[in-house]
Amino acid sequence: MSERFDVVFIGSGINSLAGAALLARGGRRVLVLERNDRLGGAVRTEEITLPGFLHEVFASWHPLFVGSAAYAELADDLRALGLEYLNTELPTASLTPDGEAAFLTTSHERNVEELERLAPGDGEAWSRVVQGFMPHADLSFGVLTTELWSAAGARLGLRAYRRLGRRGLVDFTGNVLVSARDWLTETFASPHTHGLLAPWVLHTGLGPDAAVSGFMTQVIAVAVELGGMPVPKGGGVKLVEALAWIVRAGGGALETDRDVERILVENGRATGVRVADGTTVAARRVVANVTPTQLYGRLLSETDVPPSAVEAGRRFRYGRGEMQIHLALDEPPRWEGDERLAGTAIVHLTPGLDGVSRAVNEAERGLLPAEATVVVGQPLAVDPSRAPEGKSILWIQLQEVPSRPKGDAAGGIDVGDGTWTAELRERYADRIQARIARHVPNLESALLKRVVLSPADIEQANVNMPGGDIYSGSCALDQNLLWRPRPSLPGHRTPVTGLYHIGASTHPGPGLGAGSGTIVAHDLLRQNRARRALASLARHLGERDEAL
């Protein structure tokens, strides 16, 4: 073996970087190994269209990170390193085919007024939602920030029981499991209110008819009102660079083009990793930021783990694919209708709740949706530095795309054998571009260059996104919360002592909240404190015996 580290991370996504930074600040010597030629995983800032136009290739918006436990601990260091978060009072809106827009802002009073405009009583209903959420926000966010399969998870449940009582706890649990469709239609009258909130379900890897989707919609909606839609000035790469600096300042290292091919196990304990070039690295702990398919099918030998773990990894299911479209524009987009659209960070083009549901259903049946939910991100509404003066960019995301299409729900595109060819990719992107152009008349005249990434392109770019699934696994209930990644593999500890599993495939799931990396980092730091306490006690007892 070569050098020895306290902790080796496989992969350099946000969970690895945040976890490594926390450990480095805590005195642990860490190493992050990344198979690609750059750090950051889904956080990737590039001039992917033209020079001077800074695009977030995949993940773009950072409300989950700014509201995370990791940021709370690292914020002072990150700011000292020059990381600056910018925000907006207009984080999101929806726009229906008839041109009706609805907005969710960072002002509670304005949101009440806006929803009341859409339907009498919806504003009051929103007030009740927020007022009912806030007294127990620690429980709601605790579900998403706690290792549920642990003593900490048990303590969270006990706290909820003591506060809410038996019936109250049952009611709280039912609220966690409710679908977005049921919650939205029971709470709000206006279809436009439904259409404003329903698309956010897609950003959690769910559909509006899935269990837990109603709870996630509530959490995101309240979080958007409280925190807006922050982004790092200059791009997400600034966050990656700052976290990497913290790791190096703590004596750690980060290496790219280092593909780990095997986790080394001796007597049931992880002892390090072997890299594809044959070199090995010794470590007291190994943290794998990968999918269960990789962990139990490639990185571990079948003799190192129980057959049940291998089978669980094989049965792990992936969700819908995703498509990313990046546009460089010669001038800012000119939206028809409400002037606030031009200053809104994320605009969802959608016919509403039923439209989201229909597009999800079509994609899950292998069809290109006839009318997809189009996520139109406008980075310059928050950070004008992302494009040359007078120019603009659009970040467009489609989260209802089949990994391997069987047909077209609109009947206009021949998908061939289902392979995402360049022709199929561009033809579907043409459909989406035409949708946007109906609301942005200058879109096509201002277009300088378009770059499209299909599900196949996304999979090629990131091994943790099979089939273009940017959420690294279906978030259906049996692979969510307490049961993520699988019911027989809950939590972040694995059957191998000293080996931990983090990333979007693990609880609390996808997003830039760095939840799993933070959970494991805190666990490792607690273990180290406990070892030091035991060692100190042993020394004290030894000294006492000698004195006697």
Protein backbone atom coordinates (compact mmCIF):
# COMPACT_ATOMS: atom_id res chain seq x y z
CA MET A 1 0.00 0.00 0.00
CA SER A 2 1.02 3.61 -0.57
CA GLU A 3 -0.08 6.43 1.74
CA ARG A 4 -2.53 5.87 4.56
CA PHE A 5 -5.52 8.15 5.10
CA ASP A 6 -8.15 8.35 7.78
CA VAL A 7 -10.93 8.43 5.17
CA VAL A 8 -10.99 7.85 1.42
CA PHE A 9 -13.97 9.11 -0.60
CA ILE A 10 -14.88 7.47 -3.90
CA GLY A 11 -16.36 10.19 -6.11
CA SER A 12 -16.33 13.96 -5.72
CA GLY A 13 -19.99 14.98 -5.78
CA ILE A 14 -21.38 17.50 -3.32
CA ASN A 15 -21.80 14.88 -0.59
CA SER A 16 -18.16 13.82 -0.84
CA LEU A 17 -16.82 17.38 -0.95
CA ALA A 18 -18.93 18.59 1.98
CA GLY A 19 -18.22 15.45 4.02
CA ALA A 20 -14.49 15.65 3.28
CA ALA A 21 -14.41 19.34 4.21
CA LEU A 22 -16.15 18.69 7.53
CA LEU A 23 -13.75 15.85 8.32
CA ALA A 24 -10.70 17.87 7.32
CA ARG A 25 -11.80 20.69 9.63
CA GLY A 26 -12.18 18.07 12.35
CA GLY A 27 -8.57 16.95 11.98
CA ARG A 28 -9.08 13.89 9.81
CA ARG A 29 -6.72 13.28 6.87
CA VAL A 30 -8.93 12.63 3.84
CA LEU A 31 -8.48 11.73 0.19
CA VAL A 32 -11.10 12.26 -2.53
CA LEU A 33 -10.71 10.17 -5.69
CA GLU A 34 -12.65 11.20 -8.82
CA ARG A 35 -12.82 9.09 -11.99
CA ASN A 36 -13.53 12.10 -14.25
CA ASP A 37 -11.17 14.92 -15.15
CA ARG A 38 -12.86 17.46 -12.83
CA LEU A 39 -14.24 17.60 -9.31
CA GLY A 40 -17.85 18.29 -8.43
CA GLY A 41 -20.03 15.50 -9.82
CA ALA A 42 -23.28 17.12 -10.98
CA VAL A 43 -21.95 20.58 -10.06
CA ARG A 44 -20.19 21.50 -13.28
CA THR A 45 -19.75 25.01 -14.71
CA GLU A 46 -18.58 25.28 -18.32
CA GLU A 47 -18.59 27.51 -21.36
CA ILE A 48 -20.48 24.72 -23.07
CA THR A 49 -21.92 26.89 -25.86
CA LEU A 50 -19.66 29.89 -26.55
CA PRO A 51 -16.76 31.66 -24.79
CA GLY A 52 -17.95 33.95 -22.03
CA PHE A 53 -21.27 32.12 -21.51
CA LEU A 54 -21.08 30.24 -18.20
CA HIS A 55 -23.55 27.36 -18.04
CA GLU A 56 -24.31 25.00 -15.20
CA VAL A 57 -24.22 21.77 -17.18
CA PHE A 58 -26.36 19.82 -14.71
CA ALA A 59 -27.23 21.11 -11.21
CA SER A 60 -27.69 24.86 -11.09
CA TRP A 61 -29.64 26.13 -8.07
CA HIS A 62 -28.41 25.92 -4.45
CA PRO A 63 -31.31 26.49 -2.01
CA LEU A 64 -30.80 23.05 -0.46
CA PHE A 65 -27.12 23.65 0.15
CA VAL A 66 -27.56 27.15 1.59
CA GLY A 67 -30.17 25.71 3.97
CA SER A 68 -28.08 22.66 4.87
CA ALA A 69 -26.27 21.68 8.04
CA ALA A 70 -23.02 21.52 6.07
CA TYR A 71 -23.32 25.14 4.97
CA ALA A 72 -24.20 26.22 8.51
CA GLU A 73 -20.87 24.79 9.68
CA LEU A 74 -18.74 25.80 6.72
CA ALA A 75 -20.26 29.17 5.77
CA ASP A 76 -17.63 31.35 7.47
CA ASP A 77 -14.77 29.46 5.81
CA LEU A 78 -16.51 29.47 2.43
CA ARG A 79 -17.17 33.20 2.57
CA ALA A 80 -13.58 33.85 3.62
CA LEU A 81 -12.52 31.98 0.49
CA GLY A 82 -14.56 34.33 -1.67
CA LEU A 83 -17.70 32.24 -2.17
CA GLU A 84 -20.61 34.65 -2.54
CA TYR A 85 -24.22 33.58 -2.85
CA LEU A 86 -26.61 35.77 -4.82
CA ASN A 87 -30.38 35.58 -4.50
CA THR A 88 -33.65 36.94 -5.87
CA GLU A 89 -37.08 37.90 -4.60
CA LEU A 90 -38.64 36.09 -7.58
CA PRO A 91 -37.45 32.49 -7.29
CA THR A 92 -40.13 30.71 -9.32
CA ALA A 93 -43.23 30.97 -11.48
CA SER A 94 -45.44 28.81 -13.65
CA LEU A 95 -46.80 29.70 -17.06
CA THR A 96 -49.74 27.88 -18.64
CA PRO A 97 -50.32 27.54 -22.39
CA ASP A 98 -52.92 30.34 -22.28
CA GLY A 99 -50.29 32.75 -20.94
CA GLU A 100 -51.52 32.86 -17.32
CA ALA A 101 -48.60 33.23 -14.93
CA ALA A 102 -48.43 32.54 -11.20
CA PHE A 103 -45.53 33.40 -8.90
CA LEU A 104 -44.02 32.24 -5.61
CA THR A 105 -41.81 34.92 -4.06
CA THR A 106 -39.71 35.30 -0.92
CA SER A 107 -42.40 37.50 0.68
CA HIS A 108 -45.13 35.70 2.59
CA GLU A 109 -47.48 38.65 2.25
CA ARG A 110 -46.97 38.83 -1.52
CA ASN A 111 -47.52 35.09 -1.82
CA VAL A 112 -50.80 35.32 0.08
CA GLU A 113 -51.85 38.15 -2.22
CA GLU A 114 -50.78 36.26 -5.36
CA LEU A 115 -52.58 33.04 -4.48
CA GLU A 116 -55.66 34.96 -3.37
CA ARG A 117 -55.65 36.55 -6.83
CA LEU A 118 -55.73 33.10 -8.39
CA ALA A 119 -58.71 31.96 -6.30
CA PRO A 120 -60.47 33.42 -3.27
CA GLY A 121 -59.34 31.46 -0.23
CA ASP A 122 -56.06 30.15 -1.72
CA GLY A 123 -54.08 32.93 -0.06
CA GLU A 124 -55.57 32.09 3.31
CA ALA A 125 -54.89 28.42 2.63
CA TRP A 126 -51.23 29.23 1.97
CA SER A 127 -51.04 31.08 5.28
CA ARG A 128 -52.43 28.02 7.05
CA VAL A 129 -49.87 25.81 5.29
CA VAL A 130 -46.94 27.97 6.43
CA GLN A 131 -48.34 28.53 9.92
CA GLY A 132 -48.94 24.81 10.32
CA PHE A 133 -45.51 23.90 8.94
CA MET A 134 -43.28 26.21 10.94
CA PRO A 135 -43.96 24.97 14.52
CA HIS A 136 -42.86 21.49 13.44
CA ALA A 137 -40.33 22.48 10.78
CA ASP A 138 -37.59 20.81 12.85
CA LEU A 139 -39.45 17.51 12.51
CA SER A 140 -40.07 17.92 8.77
CA PHE A 141 -36.52 18.94 8.00
CA GLY A 142 -35.31 16.40 10.55
CA VAL A 143 -36.77 13.62 8.42
CA LEU A 144 -34.50 14.81 5.61
CA THR A 145 -31.35 15.49 7.65
CA THR A 146 -31.23 12.60 10.12
CA GLU A 147 -29.93 9.07 9.74
CA LEU A 148 -33.36 7.49 10.15
CA TRP A 149 -31.97 3.99 10.61
CA SER A 150 -30.08 4.88 13.79
CA ALA A 151 -30.39 6.01 17.37
CA ALA A 152 -30.70 9.57 16.05
CA GLY A 153 -33.69 8.51 13.96
CA ALA A 154 -35.26 6.89 17.00
CA ARG A 155 -34.72 10.08 18.98
CA LEU A 156 -36.40 12.11 16.23
CA GLY A 157 -39.40 9.78 16.38
CA LEU A 158 -39.52 10.02 20.18
CA ARG A 159 -39.38 13.82 20.00
CA ALA A 160 -42.27 13.82 17.53
CA TYR A 161 -44.26 11.45 19.78
CA ARG A 162 -43.71 13.55 22.90
CA ARG A 163 -44.67 16.75 21.11
CA LEU A 164 -47.56 15.52 19.00
CA GLY A 165 -48.92 12.60 20.96
CA ARG A 166 -50.00 9.28 19.48
CA ARG A 167 -52.75 10.63 17.23
CA GLY A 168 -50.72 13.66 16.27
CA LEU A 169 -47.79 11.47 15.25
CA VAL A 170 -50.06 9.31 13.11
CA ASP A 171 -51.40 12.47 11.46
CA PHE A 172 -47.86 13.79 10.87
CA THR A 173 -46.81 10.48 9.32
CA GLY A 174 -49.86 10.51 7.08
CA ASN A 175 -48.90 14.00 5.92
CA VAL A 176 -45.44 12.72 5.04
CA LEU A 177 -46.91 9.95 2.89
CA VAL A 178 -49.61 11.98 1.07
CA SER A 179 -49.38 12.48 -2.69
CA ALA A 180 -49.00 15.96 -4.18
CA ARG A 181 -52.27 15.54 -6.08
CA ASP A 182 -54.23 14.81 -2.91
CA TRP A 183 -52.56 17.57 -0.90
CA LEU A 184 -52.88 20.21 -3.61
CA THR A 185 -56.50 19.51 -4.51
CA GLU A 186 -57.56 19.31 -0.86
CA THR A 187 -55.74 22.54 0.06
CA PHE A 188 -56.14 24.91 -2.89
CA ALA A 189 -59.01 25.70 -5.26
CA SER A 190 -57.23 27.22 -8.25
CA PRO A 191 -55.74 25.00 -10.98
CA HIS A 192 -53.11 27.72 -11.39
CA THR A 193 -52.03 27.28 -7.77
CA HIS A 194 -51.80 23.54 -8.42
CA GLY A 195 -49.73 24.26 -11.52
CA LEU A 196 -47.44 26.61 -9.61
CA LEU A 197 -46.50 23.99 -7.01
CA ALA A 198 -46.90 20.63 -8.76
CA PRO A 199 -43.83 20.91 -11.04
CA TRP A 200 -41.57 21.07 -7.98
CA VAL A 201 -42.40 17.42 -7.36
CA LEU A 202 -40.23 16.59 -10.37
CA HIS A 203 -37.19 18.15 -8.69
CA THR A 204 -37.41 15.47 -6.00
CA GLY A 205 -37.44 12.59 -8.48
CA LEU A 206 -41.15 11.90 -7.93
CA GLY A 207 -44.41 12.43 -9.78
CA PRO A 208 -47.49 14.16 -8.36
CA ASP A 209 -49.36 10.89 -7.78
CA ALA A 210 -46.54 9.20 -5.84
CA ALA A 211 -46.47 8.68 -2.09
CA VAL A 212 -44.40 11.31 -0.22
CA SER A 213 -44.69 13.78 -3.14
CA GLY A 214 -47.15 15.98 -1.22
CA PHE A 215 -44.79 16.25 1.74
CA MET A 216 -41.86 17.10 -0.54
CA THR A 217 -43.95 19.75 -2.30
CA GLN A 218 -44.74 21.39 1.03
CA VAL A 219 -41.10 21.31 2.14
CA ILE A 220 -39.84 22.81 -1.12
CA ALA A 221 -42.57 25.47 -1.34
CA VAL A 222 -41.94 26.69 2.21
CA ALA A 223 -38.17 26.53 1.67
CA VAL A 224 -38.47 28.63 -1.51
CA GLU A 225 -40.46 31.29 0.35
CA LEU A 226 -37.94 31.31 3.20
CA GLY A 227 -34.73 31.03 1.20
CA GLY A 228 -35.33 31.99 -2.42
CA MET A 229 -33.16 30.53 -5.19
CA PRO A 230 -29.51 31.29 -4.32
CA VAL A 231 -26.61 30.59 -6.67
CA PRO A 232 -22.85 31.12 -6.26
CA LYS A 233 -21.59 34.22 -8.05
CA GLY A 234 -19.59 32.97 -11.02
CA GLY A 235 -21.04 29.47 -11.01
CA GLY A 236 -21.24 26.32 -8.92
CA VAL A 237 -17.56 25.70 -9.65
CA LYS A 238 -16.83 28.37 -7.03
CA LEU A 239 -18.41 26.16 -4.37
CA VAL A 240 -16.44 23.14 -5.60
CA GLU A 241 -13.18 25.10 -5.49
CA ALA A 242 -13.86 26.45 -1.99
CA LEU A 243 -14.72 23.03 -0.54
CA ALA A 244 -11.61 21.55 -2.17
CA TRP A 245 -9.49 24.32 -0.61
CA ILE A 246 -10.84 23.48 2.86
CA VAL A 247 -9.91 19.82 2.32
CA ARG A 248 -6.38 20.69 1.23
CA ALA A 249 -5.94 23.22 4.04
CA GLY A 250 -6.73 20.41 6.48
CA GLY A 251 -3.99 18.22 5.05
CA GLY A 252 -6.23 16.28 2.68
CA ALA A 253 -5.95 15.63 -1.05
CA LEU A 254 -8.25 15.49 -4.07
CA GLU A 255 -7.26 13.67 -7.24
CA THR A 256 -9.01 13.50 -10.63
CA ASP A 257 -8.68 10.84 -13.35
CA ARG A 258 -8.50 8.24 -10.57
CA ASP A 259 -11.07 5.52 -11.16
CA VAL A 260 -11.44 3.23 -8.15
CA GLU A 261 -11.95 -0.33 -9.36
CA ARG A 262 -12.10 -2.20 -6.04
CA ILE A 263 -12.71 -1.59 -2.36
CA LEU A 264 -10.22 -3.67 -0.40
CA VAL A 265 -11.68 -5.79 2.39
CA GLU A 266 -9.86 -7.91 4.97
CA ASN A 267 -11.70 -9.97 7.58
CA GLY A 268 -14.93 -8.10 6.95
CA ARG A 269 -13.36 -4.63 7.28
CA ALA A 270 -12.61 -2.07 4.57
CA THR A 271 -8.88 -1.34 4.50
CA GLY A 272 -8.55 0.89 1.44
CA VAL A 273 -9.09 0.98 -2.31
CA ARG A 274 -7.37 -0.12 -5.50
CA VAL A 275 -7.30 2.33 -8.39
CA ALA A 276 -7.54 1.31 -12.05
CA ASP A 277 -3.82 1.97 -12.58
CA GLY A 278 -3.05 -0.71 -9.99
CA THR A 279 -2.04 1.56 -7.13
CA THR A 280 -3.62 1.03 -3.74
CA VAL A 281 -4.48 3.45 -0.95
CA ALA A 282 -4.83 2.39 2.68
CA ALA A 283 -7.56 3.95 4.79
CA ARG A 284 -9.25 3.45 8.14
CA ARG A 285 -12.62 4.24 6.53
CA VAL A 286 -13.93 4.21 2.96
CA VAL A 287 -16.91 6.33 1.88
CA ALA A 288 -18.42 5.42 -1.49
CA ASN A 289 -20.43 8.08 -3.32
CA VAL A 290 -21.81 5.69 -5.93
CA THR A 291 -24.99 3.85 -6.83
CA PRO A 292 -25.83 0.51 -5.16
CA THR A 293 -25.36 -1.13 -8.56
CA GLN A 294 -21.74 -0.01 -8.62
CA LEU A 295 -21.06 -0.63 -4.95
CA TYR A 296 -22.32 -4.19 -4.79
CA GLY A 297 -21.79 -5.16 -8.43
CA ARG A 298 -18.36 -3.70 -9.24
CA LEU A 299 -16.50 -2.27 -6.28
CA LEU A 300 -17.01 -5.13 -3.82
CA SER A 301 -16.28 -8.77 -4.35
CA GLU A 302 -19.22 -11.14 -3.84
CA THR A 303 -17.15 -12.86 -1.17
CA ASP A 304 -16.94 -9.60 0.82
CA VAL A 305 -20.67 -9.11 1.42
CA PRO A 306 -23.69 -11.32 2.06
CA PRO A 307 -25.55 -12.59 -1.04
CA SER A 308 -28.59 -10.60 0.11
CA ALA A 309 -26.64 -7.36 -0.28
CA VAL A 310 -25.51 -8.29 -3.78
CA GLU A 311 -29.10 -9.11 -4.70
CA ALA A 312 -30.39 -5.85 -3.21
CA GLY A 313 -27.86 -3.89 -5.22
CA ARG A 314 -28.91 -5.73 -8.37
CA ARG A 315 -32.59 -4.99 -7.72
CA PHE A 316 -32.07 -1.26 -7.15
CA ARG A 317 -34.32 0.54 -9.64
CA TYR A 318 -33.62 3.70 -11.60
CA GLY A 319 -36.11 6.38 -12.52
CA ARG A 320 -36.91 8.46 -15.56
CA GLY A 321 -34.23 9.98 -17.73
CA GLU A 322 -33.58 13.68 -18.08
CA MET A 323 -32.62 16.07 -20.86
CA GLN A 324 -30.65 19.28 -20.51
CA ILE A 325 -30.75 22.13 -23.06
CA HIS A 326 -28.39 25.11 -22.93
CA LEU A 327 -29.01 28.24 -24.98
CA ALA A 328 -26.67 31.17 -25.57
CA LEU A 329 -28.67 34.25 -26.57
CA ASP A 330 -27.68 37.49 -28.26
CA GLU A 331 -30.10 39.42 -26.01
CA PRO A 332 -32.24 38.73 -22.94
CA PRO A 333 -35.44 36.74 -23.54
CA ARG A 334 -38.52 38.95 -23.90
CA TRP A 335 -41.45 37.19 -22.26
CA GLU A 336 -44.97 37.96 -23.32
CA GLY A 337 -47.43 38.79 -20.56
CA ASP A 338 -46.45 39.43 -16.96
CA GLU A 339 -43.28 41.54 -16.83
CA ARG A 340 -42.14 39.70 -13.70
CA LEU A 341 -41.31 36.62 -15.81
CA ALA A 342 -38.12 38.28 -17.09
CA GLY A 343 -36.74 38.51 -13.55
CA THR A 344 -37.80 35.06 -12.32
CA ALA A 345 -35.09 32.45 -11.69
CA ILE A 346 -37.11 29.36 -12.69
CA VAL A 347 -40.22 29.40 -14.86
CA HIS A 348 -42.14 26.14 -15.31
CA LEU A 349 -44.08 25.85 -18.56
CA THR A 350 -46.93 23.49 -17.74
CA PRO A 351 -50.63 22.97 -18.39
CA GLY A 352 -50.96 22.26 -14.66
CA LEU A 353 -51.24 19.37 -12.23
CA ASP A 354 -52.84 16.99 -14.71
CA GLY A 355 -50.26 17.98 -17.32
CA VAL A 356 -47.38 17.10 -15.00
CA SER A 357 -49.06 13.81 -14.10
CA ARG A 358 -49.72 12.97 -17.75
CA ALA A 359 -46.15 13.73 -18.83
CA VAL A 360 -44.71 11.63 -15.99
CA ASN A 361 -47.00 8.75 -16.92
CA GLU A 362 -46.02 8.95 -20.58
CA ALA A 363 -42.30 9.03 -19.77
CA GLU A 364 -42.57 6.10 -17.38
CA ARG A 365 -44.34 4.13 -20.13
CA GLY A 366 -41.44 4.85 -22.46
CA LEU A 367 -43.03 7.66 -24.47
CA LEU A 368 -41.73 11.09 -25.31
CA PRO A 369 -44.31 13.33 -23.60
CA ALA A 370 -46.61 15.24 -25.89
CA GLU A 371 -46.49 18.25 -23.54
CA ALA A 372 -43.60 17.99 -21.13
CA THR A 373 -43.05 20.18 -18.09
CA VAL A 374 -40.36 22.59 -19.28
CA VAL A 375 -38.08 23.99 -16.58
CA VAL A 376 -36.74 27.28 -17.92
CA GLY A 377 -33.93 28.52 -15.72
CA GLN A 378 -32.74 32.12 -16.11
CA PRO A 379 -29.39 32.33 -14.30
CA LEU A 380 -28.89 35.98 -15.21
CA ALA A 381 -31.99 36.87 -13.18
CA VAL A 382 -29.78 36.10 -10.17
CA ASP A 383 -26.18 36.36 -11.41
CA PRO A 384 -25.54 38.76 -14.34
CA SER A 385 -21.90 37.62 -14.53
CA ARG A 386 -22.86 34.39 -16.29
CA ALA A 387 -22.90 35.99 -19.79
CA PRO A 388 -21.28 38.92 -21.63
CA GLU A 389 -22.99 42.27 -21.17
CA GLY A 390 -26.22 42.49 -23.14
CA LYS A 391 -26.26 38.72 -23.80
CA SER A 392 -28.08 35.95 -21.94
CA ILE A 393 -28.33 32.23 -21.35
CA LEU A 394 -31.14 29.80 -20.60
CA TRP A 395 -30.81 26.59 -18.57
CA ILE A 396 -33.57 24.21 -19.64
CA GLN A 397 -34.32 20.95 -17.90
CA LEU A 398 -36.74 18.19 -18.87
CA GLN A 399 -37.38 15.66 -16.12
CA GLU A 400 -40.01 13.54 -17.86
CA VAL A 401 -37.94 11.74 -20.47
CA PRO A 402 -37.71 7.97 -21.01
CA SER A 403 -34.23 6.50 -20.74
CA ARG A 404 -34.95 4.48 -23.85
CA PRO A 405 -38.04 5.74 -25.74
CA LYS A 406 -40.53 3.30 -27.21
CA GLY A 407 -42.58 5.92 -29.01
CA ASP A 408 -43.83 9.48 -29.10
CA ALA A 409 -47.05 10.37 -27.29
CA ALA A 410 -47.62 13.17 -29.81
CA GLY A 411 -47.06 10.83 -32.74
CA GLY A 412 -44.70 13.22 -34.50
CA ILE A 413 -41.24 11.76 -33.87
CA ASP A 414 -39.93 8.39 -35.01
CA VAL A 415 -37.84 7.07 -32.09
CA GLY A 416 -36.36 4.19 -34.06
CA ASP A 417 -35.05 1.42 -31.85
CA GLY A 418 -35.04 3.69 -28.79
CA THR A 419 -31.41 4.71 -29.01
CA TRP A 420 -30.81 8.36 -28.21
CA THR A 421 -29.18 9.33 -31.48
CA ALA A 422 -28.15 12.91 -32.21
CA GLU A 423 -31.09 13.23 -34.60
CA LEU A 424 -33.64 12.05 -32.01
CA ARG A 425 -32.13 14.30 -29.36
CA GLU A 426 -32.28 17.39 -31.57
CA ARG A 427 -35.77 16.71 -32.88
CA TYR A 428 -37.18 16.45 -29.38
CA ALA A 429 -35.28 19.58 -28.37
CA ASP A 430 -36.88 21.35 -31.35
CA ARG A 431 -40.30 20.56 -29.86
CA ILE A 432 -39.28 22.05 -26.53
CA GLN A 433 -37.72 25.12 -28.12
CA ALA A 434 -40.93 25.75 -30.05
CA ARG A 435 -42.89 25.54 -26.78
CA ILE A 436 -40.73 28.22 -25.20
CA ALA A 437 -40.81 30.41 -28.30
CA ARG A 438 -44.60 30.72 -28.02
CA HIS A 439 -44.01 32.72 -24.85
CA VAL A 440 -40.66 34.30 -25.79
CA PRO A 441 -41.07 35.75 -29.30
CA ASN A 442 -37.42 36.77 -29.68
CA LEU A 443 -36.05 33.37 -28.62
CA GLU A 444 -35.14 31.99 -32.02
CA SER A 445 -33.95 35.30 -33.51
CA ALA A 446 -31.67 35.81 -30.47
CA LEU A 447 -30.34 32.23 -30.43
CA LEU A 448 -26.58 32.08 -30.93
CA LYS A 449 -25.98 28.42 -30.08
CA ARG A 450 -27.81 25.46 -28.59
CA VAL A 451 -26.28 22.45 -26.85
CA VAL A 452 -28.51 19.51 -25.93
CA LEU A 453 -27.70 16.60 -23.63
CA SER A 454 -29.87 13.49 -23.97
CA PRO A 455 -30.26 10.83 -21.27
CA ALA A 456 -27.50 8.86 -23.03
CA ASP A 457 -25.18 11.89 -22.98
CA ILE A 458 -25.88 12.41 -19.28
CA GLU A 459 -25.13 8.78 -18.46
CA GLN A 460 -21.87 9.01 -20.37
CA ALA A 461 -20.90 12.14 -18.45
CA ASN A 462 -21.67 10.73 -14.99
CA VAL A 463 -21.64 7.06 -14.06
CA ASN A 464 -24.00 7.78 -11.14
CA MET A 465 -26.78 8.73 -13.58
CA PRO A 466 -27.66 5.48 -15.39
CA GLY A 467 -30.12 6.03 -18.22
CA GLY A 468 -29.92 9.76 -17.62
CA ASP A 469 -31.51 9.43 -14.17
CA ILE A 470 -30.06 12.53 -12.51
CA TYR A 471 -31.49 11.39 -9.16
CA SER A 472 -29.44 8.16 -9.10
CA GLY A 473 -32.39 5.89 -8.48
CA SER A 474 -36.15 5.79 -8.28
CA CYS A 475 -37.55 7.60 -5.24
CA ALA A 476 -40.59 5.34 -4.98
CA LEU A 477 -41.58 4.70 -1.37
CA ASP A 478 -39.75 1.36 -1.09
CA GLN A 479 -36.54 3.17 -2.11
CA ASN A 480 -37.11 6.34 -0.10
CA LEU A 481 -36.71 7.70 3.43
CA LEU A 482 -36.09 4.84 5.89
CA TRP A 483 -35.82 2.34 3.02
CA ARG A 484 -33.28 4.11 0.82
CA PRO A 485 -31.46 2.68 -1.02
CA ARG A 486 -33.29 -0.61 -0.43
CA PRO A 487 -35.30 -2.03 2.51
CA SER A 488 -32.57 -4.59 3.17
CA LEU A 489 -29.81 -1.96 2.92
CA PRO A 490 -31.11 0.98 4.97
CA GLY A 491 -28.95 3.86 6.06
CA HIS A 492 -25.35 4.65 5.24
CA ARG A 493 -23.47 1.85 6.98
CA THR A 494 -22.90 -1.23 4.88
CA PRO A 495 -22.35 -4.93 5.70
CA VAL A 496 -18.61 -4.19 5.53
CA THR A 497 -17.20 -2.61 8.69
CA GLY A 498 -15.66 0.78 7.98
CA LEU A 499 -17.40 1.16 4.59
CA TYR A 500 -20.07 3.85 4.21
CA HIS A 501 -22.46 4.56 1.36
CA ILE A 502 -23.45 8.15 0.48
CA GLY A 503 -24.82 10.08 -2.49
CA ALA A 504 -28.19 10.60 -4.16
CA SER A 505 -28.91 6.86 -4.03
CA THR A 506 -28.97 7.06 -0.24
CA HIS A 507 -31.09 8.98 2.27
CA PRO A 508 -32.09 11.83 2.08
CA GLY A 509 -31.91 11.30 -1.66
CA PRO A 510 -31.08 13.63 -4.53
CA GLY A 511 -30.30 17.33 -4.46
CA LEU A 512 -27.47 19.63 -3.42
CA GLY A 513 -28.21 19.48 0.31
CA ALA A 514 -25.10 17.38 1.04
CA GLY A 515 -27.24 15.47 3.54
CA SER A 516 -25.69 12.01 3.32
CA GLY A 517 -22.11 13.33 3.29
CA THR A 518 -22.85 15.42 6.37
CA ILE A 519 -24.53 12.54 8.21
CA VAL A 520 -21.57 10.23 7.64
CA ALA A 521 -18.96 12.90 8.43
CA HIS A 522 -20.66 13.63 11.75
CA ASP A 523 -20.84 9.90 12.48
CA LEU A 524 -17.11 9.47 11.84
CA LEU A 525 -16.22 12.50 13.93
CA ARG A 526 -18.33 11.17 16.83
CA GLN A 527 -16.60 7.81 16.57
CA ASN A 528 -13.21 9.49 16.75
CA ARG A 529 -14.22 11.55 19.78
CA ALA A 530 -15.46 8.39 21.45
CA ARG A 531 -12.16 6.60 20.72
CA ARG A 532 -10.17 9.52 22.12
CA ALA A 533 -12.34 9.57 25.23
CA LEU A 534 -11.82 5.83 25.77
CA ALA A 535 -8.07 6.17 25.19
CA SER A 536 -7.90 9.06 27.66
CA LEU A 537 -9.84 7.04 30.21
CA ALA A 538 -7.52 4.06 29.72
CA ARG A 539 -4.44 6.28 30.21
CA HIS A 540 -5.97 7.80 33.31
CA LEU A 541 -6.72 4.38 34.80
CA GLY A 542 -3.23 3.19 33.93
CA GLU A 543 -1.63 6.20 35.59
CA ARG A 544 -3.82 5.67 38.67
CA ASP A 545 -2.82 2.00 38.90
CA GLU A 546 0.85 2.94 38.67
CA ALA A 547 0.41 5.52 41.41
CA LEU A 548 -1.25 2.95 43.61
